[in-house]
């Protein structure tokens, strides 16, 4: 991978990429843990099926946005088959840049709607 890549080179992020990076923002996780967190965080609206998740993980590894972690839980609660992932410094910068981009988009949406609140939209 080229060393001169900037976070903006990856934007906008594919939704699956964003969800995986967000899942790794505060902790290292294995694939199943990522799947479960995304499912919980989105109230079941986003489901990363195994083929989608592991394809996404491979592409994120290739892009050097995540890497495999050597830190493992204690052996008595670990499964040796699991691979744990963490954000790289570039991955963290990409997640931050995408988060700012989405926040800006939400501000535009609010301005376009004249500051309409969620409650007003639902009624």
C-alpha atoms as a PDB file:
ATOM      1  CA  UNK A   1       0.000   0.000   0.000  1.00  0.00           C
ATOM      2  CA  UNK A   2       1.232   3.498  -0.754  1.00  0.00           C
ATOM      3  CA  UNK A   3       2.469   5.371   2.300  1.00  0.00           C
ATOM      4  CA  UNK A   4       1.152   8.723   1.069  1.00  0.00           C
ATOM      5  CA  UNK A   5      -2.545   7.865   1.302  1.00  0.00           C
ATOM      6  CA  UNK A   6      -4.665  10.355   3.188  1.00  0.00           C
ATOM      7  CA  UNK A   7      -7.923   9.640   5.020  1.00  0.00           C
ATOM      8  CA  UNK A   8      -9.818  11.591   2.372  1.00  0.00           C
ATOM      9  CA  UNK A   9      -8.630   9.087  -0.274  1.00  0.00           C
ATOM     10  CA  UNK A  10     -11.040   6.559   1.297  1.00  0.00           C
ATOM     11  CA  UNK A  11     -14.104   8.799   1.540  1.00  0.00           C
ATOM     12  CA  UNK A  12     -16.944   8.305   1.384  1.00  0.00           C
ATOM     13  CA  UNK A  13     -16.545   4.980   3.146  1.00  0.00           C
ATOM     14  CA  UNK A  14     -18.634   2.016   2.150  1.00  0.00           C
ATOM     15  CA  UNK A  15     -21.234   1.457   4.894  1.00  0.00           C
ATOM     16  CA  UNK A  16     -19.811  -1.947   5.853  1.00  0.00           C
ATOM     17  CA  UNK A  17     -16.333  -0.480   6.160  1.00  0.00           C
ATOM     18  CA  UNK A  18     -17.672   2.280   8.400  1.00  0.00           C
ATOM     19  CA  UNK A  19     -19.493  -0.160  10.681  1.00  0.00           C
ATOM     20  CA  UNK A  20     -16.433  -2.391  11.071  1.00  0.00           C
ATOM     21  CA  UNK A  21     -14.100   0.537  11.777  1.00  0.00           C
ATOM     22  CA  UNK A  22     -16.596   1.956  14.283  1.00  0.00           C
ATOM     23  CA  UNK A  23     -16.764  -1.420  16.042  1.00  0.00           C
ATOM     24  CA  UNK A  24     -12.990  -1.347  16.464  1.00  0.00           C
ATOM     25  CA  UNK A  25     -12.847   2.285  17.639  1.00  0.00           C
ATOM     26  CA  UNK A  26     -12.767   1.467  21.343  1.00  0.00           C
ATOM     27  CA  UNK A  27     -11.573  -2.141  21.474  1.00  0.00           C
ATOM     28  CA  UNK A  28      -9.981  -4.981  19.579  1.00  0.00           C
ATOM     29  CA  UNK A  29     -12.505  -7.581  18.472  1.00  0.00           C
ATOM     30  CA  UNK A  30     -12.857 -10.822  16.567  1.00  0.00           C
ATOM     31  CA  UNK A  31     -15.188 -11.188  13.596  1.00  0.00           C
ATOM     32  CA  UNK A  32     -18.176 -12.575  15.467  1.00  0.00           C
ATOM     33  CA  UNK A  33     -17.875  -9.790  18.066  1.00  0.00           C
ATOM     34  CA  UNK A  34     -17.916  -7.210  15.283  1.00  0.00           C
ATOM     35  CA  UNK A  35     -21.013  -8.827  13.738  1.00  0.00           C
ATOM     36  CA  UNK A  36     -22.818  -8.768  17.090  1.00  0.00           C
ATOM     37  CA  UNK A  37     -21.887  -5.178  17.897  1.00  0.00           C
ATOM     38  CA  UNK A  38     -23.093  -3.912  14.517  1.00  0.00           C
ATOM     39  CA  UNK A  39     -26.347  -5.814  14.916  1.00  0.00           C
ATOM     40  CA  UNK A  40     -26.904  -4.358  18.399  1.00  0.00           C
ATOM     41  CA  UNK A  41     -25.819  -0.819  17.529  1.00  0.00           C
ATOM     42  CA  UNK A  42     -28.180  -0.682  14.541  1.00  0.00           C
ATOM     43  CA  UNK A  43     -31.076  -2.413  16.314  1.00  0.00           C
ATOM     44  CA  UNK A  44     -30.890  -5.211  13.747  1.00  0.00           C
ATOM     45  CA  UNK A  45     -31.078  -2.925  10.711  1.00  0.00           C
ATOM     46  CA  UNK A  46     -27.540  -3.760   9.555  1.00  0.00           C
ATOM     47  CA  UNK A  47     -26.516  -7.388   9.496  1.00  0.00           C
ATOM     48  CA  UNK A  48     -23.004  -8.315   8.407  1.00  0.00           C
ATOM     49  CA  UNK A  49     -23.306 -11.856   7.147  1.00  0.00           C
ATOM     50  CA  UNK A  50     -20.082 -13.902   7.423  1.00  0.00           C
ATOM     51  CA  UNK A  51     -19.174 -13.654   3.719  1.00  0.00           C
ATOM     52  CA  UNK A  52     -19.706  -9.879   3.772  1.00  0.00           C
ATOM     53  CA  UNK A  53     -17.862  -9.416   7.052  1.00  0.00           C
ATOM     54  CA  UNK A  54     -14.811 -11.501   6.186  1.00  0.00           C
ATOM     55  CA  UNK A  55     -14.575  -9.983   2.703  1.00  0.00           C
ATOM     56  CA  UNK A  56     -14.730  -6.539   4.312  1.00  0.00           C
ATOM     57  CA  UNK A  57     -12.071  -7.487   6.868  1.00  0.00           C
ATOM     58  CA  UNK A  58      -9.772  -8.691   4.079  1.00  0.00           C
ATOM     59  CA  UNK A  59     -10.202  -5.454   2.136  1.00  0.00           C
ATOM     60  CA  UNK A  60      -9.632  -3.351   5.272  1.00  0.00           C
ATOM     61  CA  UNK A  61      -6.463  -5.348   5.999  1.00  0.00           C
ATOM     62  CA  UNK A  62      -5.278  -4.863   2.406  1.00  0.00           C
ATOM     63  CA  UNK A  63      -5.969  -1.120   2.679  1.00  0.00           C
ATOM     64  CA  UNK A  64      -4.018  -1.041   5.961  1.00  0.00           C
ATOM     65  CA  UNK A  65      -6.954   0.426   7.873  1.00  0.00           C
ATOM     66  CA  UNK A  66      -6.966  -2.486  10.320  1.00  0.00           C
ATOM     67  CA  UNK A  67      -4.448  -5.107  11.300  1.00  0.00           C
ATOM     68  CA  UNK A  68      -4.489  -8.342  13.161  1.00  0.00           C
ATOM     69  CA  UNK A  69      -3.839  -8.046  16.865  1.00  0.00           C
ATOM     70  CA  UNK A  70      -1.433 -10.306  18.726  1.00  0.00           C
ATOM     71  CA  UNK A  71      -3.119  -9.505  22.055  1.00  0.00           C
ATOM     72  CA  UNK A  72      -5.421 -12.328  23.101  1.00  0.00           C
ATOM     73  CA  UNK A  73      -7.768 -12.927  26.016  1.00  0.00           C
ATOM     74  CA  UNK A  74      -6.829 -15.509  28.639  1.00  0.00           C
ATOM     75  CA  UNK A  75      -6.627 -19.002  27.157  1.00  0.00           C
ATOM     76  CA  UNK A  76      -9.522 -20.341  29.250  1.00  0.00           C
ATOM     77  CA  UNK A  77     -11.986 -17.915  27.603  1.00  0.00           C
ATOM     78  CA  UNK A  78     -10.370 -17.705  24.167  1.00  0.00           C
ATOM     79  CA  UNK A  79     -10.918 -19.749  21.041  1.00  0.00           C
ATOM     80  CA  UNK A  80      -7.586 -20.277  19.257  1.00  0.00           C
ATOM     81  CA  UNK A  81      -9.365 -20.102  15.868  1.00  0.00           C
ATOM     82  CA  UNK A  82     -10.404 -16.498  16.403  1.00  0.00           C
ATOM     83  CA  UNK A  83      -8.497 -13.671  14.798  1.00  0.00           C
ATOM     84  CA  UNK A  84      -8.605 -10.336  16.585  1.00  0.00           C
ATOM     85  CA  UNK A  85      -8.500  -7.024  14.735  1.00  0.00           C
ATOM     86  CA  UNK A  86      -7.621  -3.443  15.650  1.00  0.00           C
ATOM     87  CA  UNK A  87      -7.557  -0.080  13.939  1.00  0.00           C
ATOM     88  CA  UNK A  88      -4.279   1.138  12.508  1.00  0.00           C
ATOM     89  CA  UNK A  89      -3.371   4.815  12.935  1.00  0.00           C
ATOM     90  CA  UNK A  90      -4.533   5.392   9.329  1.00  0.00           C
ATOM     91  CA  UNK A  91      -7.762   3.497  10.054  1.00  0.00           C
ATOM     92  CA  UNK A  92      -8.453   5.734  13.050  1.00  0.00           C
ATOM     93  CA  UNK A  93      -7.865   8.868  10.951  1.00  0.00           C
ATOM     94  CA  UNK A  94     -10.167   7.511   8.215  1.00  0.00           C
ATOM     95  CA  UNK A  95     -12.896   6.783  10.780  1.00  0.00           C
ATOM     96  CA  UNK A  96     -12.526  10.299  12.210  1.00  0.00           C
ATOM     97  CA  UNK A  97     -12.682  11.868   8.737  1.00  0.00           C
ATOM     98  CA  UNK A  98     -15.772   9.845   7.780  1.00  0.00           C
ATOM     99  CA  UNK A  99     -17.448  10.727  11.084  1.00  0.00           C
ATOM    100  CA  UNK A 100     -16.856  14.431  10.431  1.00  0.00           C
ATOM    101  CA  UNK A 101     -18.176  14.023   6.876  1.00  0.00           C
ATOM    102  CA  UNK A 102     -21.362  12.383   8.163  1.00  0.00           C
ATOM    103  CA  UNK A 103     -21.803  15.023  10.874  1.00  0.00           C
ATOM    104  CA  UNK A 104     -21.516  17.731   8.203  1.00  0.00           C
ATOM    105  CA  UNK A 105     -24.112  15.913   6.106  1.00  0.00           C
ATOM    106  CA  UNK A 106     -26.520  15.774   9.046  1.00  0.00           C
ATOM    107  CA  UNK A 107     -26.078  19.531   9.565  1.00  0.00           C
ATOM    108  CA  UNK A 108     -26.941  20.109   5.893  1.00  0.00           C
ATOM    109  CA  UNK A 109     -30.015  17.904   6.236  1.00  0.00           C
ATOM    110  CA  UNK A 110     -31.198  19.932   9.238  1.00  0.00           C
ATOM    111  CA  UNK A 111     -30.664  23.205   7.398  1.00  0.00           C
ATOM    112  CA  UNK A 112     -32.492  21.935   4.297  1.00  0.00           C
ATOM    113  CA  UNK A 113     -35.414  20.832   6.392  1.00  0.00           C
ATOM    114  CA  UNK A 114     -35.510  24.163   8.203  1.00  0.00           C
ATOM    115  CA  UNK A 115     -34.447  22.685  11.506  1.00  0.00           C
ATOM    116  CA  UNK A 116     -37.320  20.204  11.581  1.00  0.00           C
ATOM    117  CA  UNK A 117     -36.966  17.959  14.605  1.00  0.00           C
ATOM    118  CA  UNK A 118     -37.312  14.213  14.590  1.00  0.00           C
ATOM    119  CA  UNK A 119     -40.595  14.490  16.516  1.00  0.00           C
ATOM    120  CA  UNK A 120     -42.055  16.810  13.843  1.00  0.00           C
ATOM    121  CA  UNK A 121     -41.036  14.390  11.067  1.00  0.00           C
ATOM    122  CA  UNK A 122     -42.710  11.438  12.813  1.00  0.00           C
ATOM    123  CA  UNK A 123     -46.018  13.247  13.332  1.00  0.00           C
END
